[in-house]
Structures are given as structure tokens and as C-alpha cells.
């Protein structure tokens, strides 16, 4: 009886084990590859699934999520300059189809071998492209290097069941001596640009100052010319008024049967009076004798006689 109970317990235990072994859980973001005695059988999608216990086994779980790796490697340019790259690579499985999952699961022994092949392929592509370029061109060819890698690596990755999502070249550096020389070149270029800008600014300042000075001279000359013209017009008007007044006074004296010399005597005395009032302390040497007055009036009268003779 005891033997029968033991056998029954063993059978129940085996049933339980078989039952529990029939269920398998696949995590979200991955696909399980099932084999029977080492041969591919089928794939299991994320969630709870059934399998044949002790016959079907999980060969590998393939991640269908995006994966990233960081790369650091060195390349040599056409002019023998060493270039150091730091890059980040993002890749993923192309799709969830069975044939593609089979390629991912069986192309490489494990992920380590796949990563090694991927890294070496990318490094080889970048090195081959950089070797055709010169040192001065590399820094400006960041996007071209990425495009070159994507164009060449996508076909290879597609055969492995993957595709390249993104490649970022985060850092591109050279040897220390090259970096120092490049810094000196940039510094000298900046100094040259600064000197050119300062020269242009000084030229503009000098030009504007010269233009302003020229305009000021033009304005001053124009004002002086206008003032001289106005002064000349004023003198002319003054002379006209004096002549008109003298003519009127002479005519009135003739009408009054008076000698015109009396008019000259009056003008002479008025001039002496004006000199005395407006002199303001200045010394004026003037011959105020009667002989000088007589001589002056005779000269003026002679001029008047000559004008009458001409008329």
C-alpha cells in the first residue's frame, strides 16, 4: 500500500512538473526562439505561451528594442594625421517577421560576436572614408562621414537582420601637436579678422570725419559768401542813399541860393563829430585845420565840376 502511494506521488509530481514546464513567459520587447533537439521550431511572441516540456527548449531570446553602443577608435587621414573618434550607434531588429528573427538568432553565436562584427565594420568604413580626405577637411565632413557609414553599413546589417537607426559622431580630435597648431591658426585668423575690422572702422571714422569737415567748410564758405554779398549790397545801398541824400541836399541849397561849400563844411564837421563820439578811446590822427578843410573841400568841388563837365 505504501509502495502504491509513493508511486502515485511520483506520478502526481511528474504531472505537475510537466504542467508547469508547459508554460513559458516571454517578456515585452523580446521574442523567444524555440528549437527541438537543436533544430529551429518556431518563435514565441511576448506574453504567456505553451511549449512541449523536455522537448521544446528556448534557444535564444531576441530583443526587438532599440539598442545603443559607444565607439572609440582612431583613423588616419590622407596626409598622415591621426584622427580620434567618439561615436554613438543606435540600431534595432528590422522587423518581427519569422525569417528575420531566425537571421538574428542564428547568424552569430552570441551577442558578443555580433557586437564585435558590427563595431569592426563601422570602424573600417569610417577609416576607409577618412583615409581619402585631408586633415583640414575632416572637421567639416561630420555629416558626410555619417552618410557614408549609413550607406555602406545598412546593406550589411540587413543581412544580419538589423538596421542602423542613428550614428552620432560626438567628438573628433587630433594629436596634441596638431590641436595646438590648429589653435594657433584659428587665433591668427581671428587676429587678422580683428585687425581688418579695426582698419575698416578707422577708415569709416576718418572718412566720415573728412566728409563732415568738408561739409562744414562748404557750409561756412557758403555762409561767408552770402554774408559778403549782403555786406556788399548793404554798402551799395548805403552809398545810393548817401548819394541820393547829398543830391537832394545840394538841390535844396541851390533852390535856397546858398553855396554848396556850406554843405561840404557841414559834412566835414559831422564827420569829425562822429569820429570823436565813436572812437571809444582809440587814437585817430586827423588834420582838423582850416587849411586842410579848405583843401578837402576844393578837391570835392573839383570832382563835382568834373562831373558837371562830363554831363
Protein backbone atom coordinates (compact mmCIF):
# COMPACT_ATOMS: atom_id res chain seq x y z
CA UNK A 1 0.00 0.00 0.00
CA UNK A 2 2.80 2.32 0.86
CA UNK A 3 4.53 1.49 -2.42
CA UNK A 4 1.38 2.36 -4.34
CA UNK A 5 1.16 5.73 -2.53
CA UNK A 6 4.77 6.50 -3.33
CA UNK A 7 4.24 5.67 -6.98
CA UNK A 8 1.13 7.84 -7.03
CA UNK A 9 3.00 10.75 -5.50
CA UNK A 10 5.74 10.35 -8.07
CA UNK A 11 3.23 10.30 -10.87
CA UNK A 12 1.47 13.37 -9.47
CA UNK A 13 4.82 15.16 -9.17
CA UNK A 14 5.71 14.32 -12.74
CA UNK A 15 2.33 15.58 -13.91
CA UNK A 16 2.84 18.81 -12.02
CA UNK A 17 6.30 19.22 -13.48
CA UNK A 18 5.01 18.55 -16.95
CA UNK A 19 2.20 21.01 -16.42
CA UNK A 20 4.48 23.71 -15.12
CA UNK A 21 7.04 23.06 -17.80
CA UNK A 22 4.44 23.52 -20.48
CA UNK A 23 4.18 27.25 -19.81
CA UNK A 24 6.76 29.85 -20.75
CA UNK A 25 6.70 33.63 -20.29
CA UNK A 26 8.27 35.95 -22.85
CA UNK A 27 8.95 39.48 -21.68
CA UNK A 28 7.67 42.51 -23.55
CA UNK A 29 10.22 43.79 -26.06
CA UNK A 30 11.68 40.36 -26.83
CA UNK A 31 10.88 37.25 -28.88
CA UNK A 32 11.79 33.68 -27.87
CA UNK A 33 13.26 31.29 -30.45
CA UNK A 34 12.15 27.66 -29.83
CA UNK A 35 14.14 24.64 -31.01
CA UNK A 36 13.53 20.86 -30.83
CA UNK A 37 16.68 18.86 -30.28
CA UNK A 38 18.71 21.82 -31.56
CA UNK A 39 16.65 22.42 -34.70
CA UNK A 40 14.59 25.55 -35.20
CA UNK A 41 10.90 25.02 -34.49
CA UNK A 42 9.06 28.32 -34.05
CA UNK A 43 9.06 31.72 -32.30
CA UNK A 44 7.08 32.87 -29.28
CA UNK A 45 5.75 36.41 -29.08
CA UNK A 46 5.69 38.41 -25.79
CA UNK A 47 3.30 37.04 -23.16
CA UNK A 48 2.37 33.58 -21.81
CA UNK A 49 2.78 30.67 -24.25
CA UNK A 50 2.74 26.85 -24.22
CA UNK A 51 5.58 24.53 -25.24
CA UNK A 52 6.23 20.80 -25.16
CA UNK A 53 8.08 20.07 -21.92
CA UNK A 54 11.53 18.48 -22.19
CA UNK A 55 11.28 18.53 -25.99
CA UNK A 56 10.96 22.14 -27.00
CA UNK A 57 13.53 24.46 -25.49
CA UNK A 58 14.23 28.19 -25.67
CA UNK A 59 17.36 28.62 -27.78
CA UNK A 60 17.58 32.38 -27.52
CA UNK A 61 15.61 35.45 -26.58
CA UNK A 62 15.92 38.16 -29.24
CA UNK A 63 15.43 41.76 -28.13
CA UNK A 64 13.31 43.86 -30.51
CA UNK A 65 14.01 47.11 -28.69
CA UNK A 66 16.41 49.83 -29.82
CA UNK A 67 19.96 49.21 -28.63
CA UNK A 68 22.93 51.57 -28.43
CA UNK A 69 26.68 51.28 -28.11
CA UNK A 70 29.53 53.77 -27.78
CA UNK A 71 32.59 53.53 -30.01
CA UNK A 72 36.10 54.95 -29.65
CA UNK A 73 38.59 54.40 -32.44
CA UNK A 74 41.34 56.05 -34.45
CA UNK A 75 41.74 56.73 -38.18
CA UNK A 76 44.48 58.22 -40.37
CA UNK A 77 43.92 60.92 -42.98
CA UNK A 78 45.46 61.15 -46.43
CA UNK A 79 48.20 63.47 -45.11
CA UNK A 80 49.06 61.04 -42.27
CA UNK A 81 47.27 62.85 -39.42
CA UNK A 82 45.74 60.73 -36.66
CA UNK A 83 42.05 61.39 -36.01
CA UNK A 84 40.28 60.12 -32.89
CA UNK A 85 36.54 59.48 -32.99
CA UNK A 86 33.94 59.05 -30.28
CA UNK A 87 30.63 57.88 -31.64
CA UNK A 88 27.27 56.54 -30.51
CA UNK A 89 25.43 53.91 -32.54
CA UNK A 90 21.70 53.15 -32.29
CA UNK A 91 20.36 50.04 -34.02
CA UNK A 92 17.46 47.59 -33.81
CA UNK A 93 15.92 44.49 -35.39
CA UNK A 94 14.42 45.27 -38.79
CA UNK A 95 11.01 43.72 -38.08
CA UNK A 96 9.26 40.91 -36.17
CA UNK A 97 8.86 38.54 -39.09
CA UNK A 98 9.91 34.94 -38.50
CA UNK A 99 12.60 34.85 -41.18
CA UNK A 100 14.20 38.00 -39.87
CA UNK A 101 14.14 36.71 -36.28
CA UNK A 102 15.80 33.48 -37.49
CA UNK A 103 18.58 35.56 -39.10
CA UNK A 104 19.13 37.49 -35.87
CA UNK A 105 19.16 34.32 -33.77
CA UNK A 106 21.40 32.11 -35.93
CA UNK A 107 23.76 34.44 -37.86
CA UNK A 108 26.09 34.81 -34.87
CA UNK A 109 26.91 32.53 -31.96
CA UNK A 110 26.02 35.19 -29.40
CA UNK A 111 25.63 38.94 -28.95
CA UNK A 112 29.32 39.38 -28.19
CA UNK A 113 30.32 38.12 -31.63
CA UNK A 114 27.65 40.24 -33.29
CA UNK A 115 28.86 43.40 -31.48
CA UNK A 116 32.43 42.69 -32.45
CA UNK A 117 31.49 42.34 -36.12
CA UNK A 118 29.30 45.47 -36.02
CA UNK A 119 31.97 47.65 -34.39
CA UNK A 120 34.73 46.49 -36.70
CA UNK A 121 32.56 47.04 -39.77
CA UNK A 122 31.71 50.62 -38.76
CA UNK A 123 35.32 51.39 -37.85
CA UNK A 124 36.53 50.00 -41.17
CA UNK A 125 34.01 52.09 -43.13
CA UNK A 126 34.98 55.32 -41.34
CA UNK A 127 38.71 54.60 -41.62
CA UNK A 128 38.38 53.90 -45.34
CA UNK A 129 36.49 57.17 -45.91
CA UNK A 130 38.81 59.31 -43.74
CA UNK A 131 41.91 57.91 -45.46
CA UNK A 132 40.81 59.67 -48.68
CA UNK A 133 40.48 63.07 -47.00
CA UNK A 134 42.97 65.58 -45.69
CA UNK A 135 43.27 66.73 -42.10
CA UNK A 136 41.77 70.16 -42.78
CA UNK A 137 38.67 68.58 -44.34
CA UNK A 138 37.75 66.09 -41.60
CA UNK A 139 36.14 68.50 -39.13
CA UNK A 140 33.81 69.87 -41.81
CA UNK A 141 32.81 66.39 -43.05
CA UNK A 142 30.93 65.16 -39.98
CA UNK A 143 27.59 64.76 -41.77
CA UNK A 144 29.29 63.28 -44.86
CA UNK A 145 31.03 60.64 -42.73
CA UNK A 146 27.71 59.66 -41.11
CA UNK A 147 26.02 59.45 -44.52
CA UNK A 148 28.88 57.30 -45.86
CA UNK A 149 28.60 54.86 -42.94
CA UNK A 150 24.83 54.58 -43.23
CA UNK A 151 25.02 53.96 -46.96
CA UNK A 152 27.57 51.17 -46.63
CA UNK A 153 26.51 49.53 -43.36
CA UNK A 154 22.77 49.28 -43.95
CA UNK A 155 23.16 46.55 -46.57
CA UNK A 156 25.44 44.51 -44.32
CA UNK A 157 23.18 44.94 -41.28
CA UNK A 158 20.11 43.97 -43.30
CA UNK A 159 21.74 40.61 -44.00
CA UNK A 160 22.13 40.14 -40.23
CA UNK A 161 18.51 41.10 -39.52
CA UNK A 162 19.27 44.58 -38.16
CA UNK A 163 19.17 48.15 -39.42
CA UNK A 164 21.05 51.28 -38.38
CA UNK A 165 18.80 53.90 -36.76
CA UNK A 166 21.32 56.61 -35.97
CA UNK A 167 25.04 57.29 -35.84
CA UNK A 168 26.37 60.32 -33.96
CA UNK A 169 29.98 61.47 -34.07
CA UNK A 170 30.15 63.16 -30.69
CA UNK A 171 33.84 64.05 -30.72
CA UNK A 172 36.56 64.37 -33.37
CA UNK A 173 40.07 65.18 -32.14
CA UNK A 174 43.65 65.08 -33.39
CA UNK A 175 47.06 64.63 -31.82
CA UNK A 176 48.08 67.24 -29.28
CA UNK A 177 50.59 68.94 -31.56
CA UNK A 178 48.03 69.19 -34.35
CA UNK A 179 45.44 70.60 -31.96
CA UNK A 180 47.92 73.26 -30.79
CA UNK A 181 48.82 74.21 -34.35
CA UNK A 182 45.13 74.39 -35.30
CA UNK A 183 44.51 76.63 -32.28
CA UNK A 184 47.34 78.92 -33.38
CA UNK A 185 45.93 79.07 -36.90
CA UNK A 186 42.49 79.97 -35.57
CA UNK A 187 43.97 82.59 -33.22
CA UNK A 188 46.00 84.20 -36.02
CA UNK A 189 42.95 84.15 -38.28
CA UNK A 190 40.90 85.85 -35.58
CA UNK A 191 43.62 88.46 -35.06
CA UNK A 192 43.73 89.11 -38.79
CA UNK A 193 39.94 89.49 -38.92
CA UNK A 194 40.03 91.80 -35.88
CA UNK A 195 42.76 93.94 -37.48
CA UNK A 196 40.79 94.14 -40.73
CA UNK A 197 37.65 95.13 -38.84
CA UNK A 198 39.55 97.76 -36.86
CA UNK A 199 41.06 99.09 -40.09
CA UNK A 200 37.65 99.28 -41.72
CA UNK A 201 36.21 101.01 -38.65
CA UNK A 202 39.09 103.52 -38.60
CA UNK A 203 38.69 104.13 -42.34
CA UNK A 204 34.97 104.72 -41.93
CA UNK A 205 35.61 107.07 -38.98
CA UNK A 206 38.24 109.04 -40.91
CA UNK A 207 36.04 109.17 -44.00
CA UNK A 208 33.02 110.39 -42.06
CA UNK A 209 35.15 112.98 -40.23
CA UNK A 210 36.58 114.22 -43.56
CA UNK A 211 33.09 114.36 -45.06
CA UNK A 212 31.82 116.26 -42.03
CA UNK A 213 34.77 118.68 -42.19
CA UNK A 214 34.26 119.18 -45.92
CA UNK A 215 30.55 119.80 -45.42
CA UNK A 216 31.34 122.25 -42.62
CA UNK A 217 33.80 124.09 -44.87
CA UNK A 218 31.22 124.18 -47.66
CA UNK A 219 28.55 125.49 -45.31
CA UNK A 220 30.95 128.05 -43.81
CA UNK A 221 32.09 129.20 -47.27
CA UNK A 222 28.50 129.47 -48.41
CA UNK A 223 27.58 131.47 -45.34
CA UNK A 224 30.64 133.70 -45.77
CA UNK A 225 29.82 134.23 -49.43
CA UNK A 226 26.22 135.10 -48.58
CA UNK A 227 27.36 137.42 -45.79
CA UNK A 228 29.87 139.16 -48.10
CA UNK A 229 27.16 139.52 -50.71
CA UNK A 230 24.80 141.02 -48.15
CA UNK A 231 27.56 143.35 -46.89
CA UNK A 232 28.27 144.47 -50.45
CA UNK A 233 24.60 145.04 -51.07
CA UNK A 234 24.40 147.00 -47.82
CA UNK A 235 27.37 149.18 -48.77
CA UNK A 236 25.90 149.75 -52.21
CA UNK A 237 22.54 150.70 -50.72
CA UNK A 238 24.30 152.92 -48.22
CA UNK A 239 26.17 154.67 -50.99
CA UNK A 240 23.00 155.05 -53.01
CA UNK A 241 21.24 156.58 -50.04
CA UNK A 242 24.19 158.90 -49.34
CA UNK A 243 24.31 159.98 -52.96
CA UNK A 244 20.56 160.45 -53.02
CA UNK A 245 20.70 162.48 -49.79
CA UNK A 246 23.59 164.61 -50.99
CA UNK A 247 21.85 165.24 -54.30
CA UNK A 248 18.69 166.22 -52.50
CA UNK A 249 20.58 168.50 -50.10
CA UNK A 250 22.53 170.13 -52.92
CA UNK A 251 19.30 170.74 -54.86
CA UNK A 252 17.66 172.33 -51.82
CA UNK A 253 20.71 174.59 -51.27
CA UNK A 254 20.62 175.62 -54.94
CA UNK A 255 16.94 176.41 -54.59
CA UNK A 256 17.78 178.49 -51.50
CA UNK A 257 20.58 180.32 -53.44
CA UNK A 258 23.20 179.02 -50.99
CA UNK A 259 26.77 177.99 -51.76
CA UNK A 260 27.30 174.26 -51.96
CA UNK A 261 30.52 174.63 -49.97
CA UNK A 262 28.38 175.15 -46.91
CA UNK A 263 27.11 171.57 -47.38
CA UNK A 264 30.68 170.24 -47.56
CA UNK A 265 31.61 172.21 -44.43
CA UNK A 266 28.62 170.67 -42.62
CA UNK A 267 29.64 167.16 -43.71
CA UNK A 268 33.22 167.76 -42.60
CA UNK A 269 32.18 168.89 -39.12
CA UNK A 270 29.72 165.99 -38.81
CA UNK A 271 32.49 163.52 -39.71
CA UNK A 272 34.80 164.97 -37.04
CA UNK A 273 31.96 164.77 -34.52
CA UNK A 274 31.29 161.11 -35.46
CA UNK A 275 34.96 160.21 -35.10
CA UNK A 276 35.02 161.76 -31.63
CA UNK A 277 31.82 160.03 -30.48
CA UNK A 278 32.51 156.56 -31.92
CA UNK A 279 36.27 156.42 -31.33
CA UNK A 280 35.89 154.74 -27.88
CA UNK A 281 39.37 155.75 -26.71
CA UNK A 282 41.14 154.90 -29.98
CA UNK A 283 43.69 157.44 -31.22
CA UNK A 284 42.68 158.96 -34.59
CA UNK A 285 45.15 161.26 -36.30
CA UNK A 286 43.10 163.85 -38.22
CA UNK A 287 44.23 167.19 -39.59
CA UNK A 288 41.43 169.46 -38.42
CA UNK A 289 42.99 172.73 -39.54
CA UNK A 290 41.13 175.19 -41.74
CA UNK A 291 43.76 174.76 -44.45
CA UNK A 292 43.14 171.04 -44.61
CA UNK A 293 39.39 171.56 -44.61
CA UNK A 294 39.77 174.12 -47.43
CA UNK A 295 41.96 171.74 -49.42
CA UNK A 296 39.50 168.88 -48.94
CA UNK A 297 36.50 170.99 -49.98
CA UNK A 298 38.34 172.22 -53.07
CA UNK A 299 39.05 168.63 -54.07
CA UNK A 300 35.43 167.62 -53.60
CA UNK A 301 34.20 170.69 -55.50
CA UNK A 302 36.62 169.93 -58.32
CA UNK A 303 35.19 166.44 -58.58
CA UNK A 304 31.70 167.96 -58.73
CA UNK A 305 32.78 170.33 -61.51
CA UNK A 306 34.28 167.42 -63.48
CA UNK A 307 31.02 165.51 -63.19
CA UNK A 308 29.07 168.52 -64.50
CA UNK A 309 31.51 168.91 -67.42
CA UNK A 310 31.07 165.24 -68.37
CA UNK A 311 27.28 165.66 -68.28
